Amino acid sequence: MRVVVVHSSTQEAVVPVMDQGLDQLLTGAGSSSFQIVEQRKTWVGPVMNFSFTGRLGFISVPMMGTIEVDGENVTVDFALPPLLQTFVGEAKVRAIVEENVRAMVRG
């Protein structure tokens, strides 16, 4: 899944915002008991490679992807696990990620 959000700041200003905000991207997916654990991230220039495990009760779903920041956009790429496609839905996850990235880049 790819989500592209336009920002009105500089690449240099948005990179630290995205670095600090990875755990916010899926906040609200499913329920208030959704947790992000085992988070890992590395930056290569303006591209963050990330991985984490999303937990909802006893269910754990690993996820990985990238966040790329350029002078105009934040692009989030990740494979949506089948479990999330089935129970949450691609449209809802896309909307959550897009809404949260917009909020983060607005400040």
Protein backbone atom coordinates (compact mmCIF):
# COMPACT_ATOMS: atom_id res chain seq x y z
CA MET A 1 0.00 0.00 0.00
CA ARG A 2 1.27 3.45 -0.84
CA VAL A 3 0.04 6.64 0.81
CA VAL A 4 1.33 10.00 -0.45
CA VAL A 5 0.70 13.17 1.54
CA VAL A 6 1.70 16.63 0.34
CA HIS A 7 3.46 18.82 2.90
CA SER A 8 4.18 22.54 2.86
CA SER A 9 7.45 22.49 4.75
CA THR A 10 11.03 21.58 3.94
CA GLN A 11 12.45 18.09 3.75
CA GLU A 12 14.81 18.97 6.60
CA ALA A 13 11.89 19.98 8.82
CA VAL A 14 9.68 16.98 8.01
CA VAL A 15 12.27 14.19 8.45
CA PRO A 16 12.52 14.59 12.28
CA VAL A 17 8.73 14.84 12.54
CA MET A 18 8.33 11.52 10.75
CA ASP A 19 11.17 9.99 12.79
CA GLN A 20 9.37 10.84 16.03
CA GLY A 21 5.90 10.02 14.73
CA LEU A 22 6.16 6.47 13.37
CA ASP A 23 4.14 5.04 16.26
CA GLN A 24 1.33 7.55 15.53
CA LEU A 25 0.76 6.35 11.98
CA LEU A 26 -1.60 3.54 12.86
CA THR A 27 -2.97 4.91 16.12
CA GLY A 28 -6.68 4.22 16.11
CA ALA A 29 -6.54 1.16 13.84
CA GLY A 30 -9.06 -1.25 15.27
CA SER A 31 -9.40 -0.10 18.88
CA SER A 32 -7.76 1.69 21.77
CA SER A 33 -5.99 -1.54 22.78
CA PHE A 34 -3.88 -1.56 19.57
CA GLN A 35 -0.19 -1.37 20.45
CA ILE A 36 2.97 -1.02 18.39
CA VAL A 37 5.88 -3.03 19.81
CA GLU A 38 9.31 -4.16 18.66
CA GLN A 39 9.71 -1.00 16.60
CA ARG A 40 12.87 -0.65 14.51
CA LYS A 41 13.81 2.13 12.15
CA THR A 42 16.85 3.20 10.21
CA TRP A 43 17.35 6.21 7.98
CA VAL A 44 19.26 6.22 4.70
CA GLY A 45 19.18 9.84 3.64
CA PRO A 46 15.52 10.91 3.51
CA VAL A 47 14.18 7.32 3.55
CA MET A 48 13.23 5.52 6.75
CA ASN A 49 13.08 1.73 6.69
CA PHE A 50 10.83 0.56 9.51
CA SER A 51 9.44 -2.59 11.02
CA PHE A 52 7.24 -3.24 14.02
CA THR A 53 4.70 -5.65 15.40
CA GLY A 54 1.13 -4.48 15.85
CA ARG A 55 -0.66 -6.15 18.74
CA LEU A 56 -4.34 -6.30 19.39
CA GLY A 57 -5.01 -8.53 22.37
CA PHE A 58 -3.32 -11.87 21.71
CA ILE A 59 -2.97 -11.25 17.96
CA SER A 60 0.42 -10.02 16.68
CA VAL A 61 0.94 -8.79 13.13
CA PRO A 62 4.42 -7.90 11.86
CA MET A 63 4.70 -4.97 9.46
CA MET A 64 7.54 -3.37 7.52
CA GLY A 65 7.91 -0.62 5.00
CA THR A 66 9.43 2.73 4.17
CA ILE A 67 8.70 6.40 4.68
CA GLU A 68 10.29 8.73 2.14
CA VAL A 69 10.36 12.48 2.61
CA ASP A 70 11.09 14.78 -0.32
CA GLY A 71 10.63 18.50 -0.82
CA GLU A 72 6.91 18.17 -1.46
CA ASN A 73 5.60 14.79 -0.23
CA VAL A 74 5.74 12.17 2.47
CA THR A 75 5.36 8.72 0.90
CA VAL A 76 4.55 5.76 3.13
CA ASP A 77 4.93 2.32 1.53
CA PHE A 78 4.11 -0.93 3.31
CA ALA A 79 2.55 -4.30 2.67
CA LEU A 80 -0.76 -4.58 4.45
CA PRO A 81 -0.92 -8.01 6.11
CA PRO A 82 -3.89 -10.16 5.08
CA LEU A 83 -5.22 -10.17 8.65
CA LEU A 84 -5.54 -6.38 8.63
CA GLN A 85 -7.04 -6.42 5.14
CA THR A 86 -9.70 -8.80 6.35
CA PHE A 87 -10.59 -7.33 9.74
CA VAL A 88 -9.79 -3.62 9.38
CA GLY A 89 -9.83 -3.11 5.62
CA GLU A 90 -7.41 -1.40 3.27
CA ALA A 91 -9.54 1.73 2.93
CA LYS A 92 -9.67 2.27 6.71
CA VAL A 93 -5.92 1.70 7.16
CA ARG A 94 -5.16 4.03 4.24
CA ALA A 95 -7.42 6.73 5.74
CA ILE A 96 -5.82 6.37 9.20
CA VAL A 97 -2.29 6.60 7.83
CA GLU A 98 -3.14 9.55 5.58
CA GLU A 99 -4.95 11.44 8.35
CA ASN A 100 -2.13 10.88 10.85
CA VAL A 101 0.64 11.89 8.41
CA ARG A 102 -1.32 15.06 7.54
CA ALA A 103 -1.66 15.90 11.24
CA MET A 104 2.04 15.30 11.87
CA VAL A 105 3.27 17.49 9.01
CA ARG A 106 0.85 20.30 9.95
CA GLY A 107 2.42 20.47 13.41
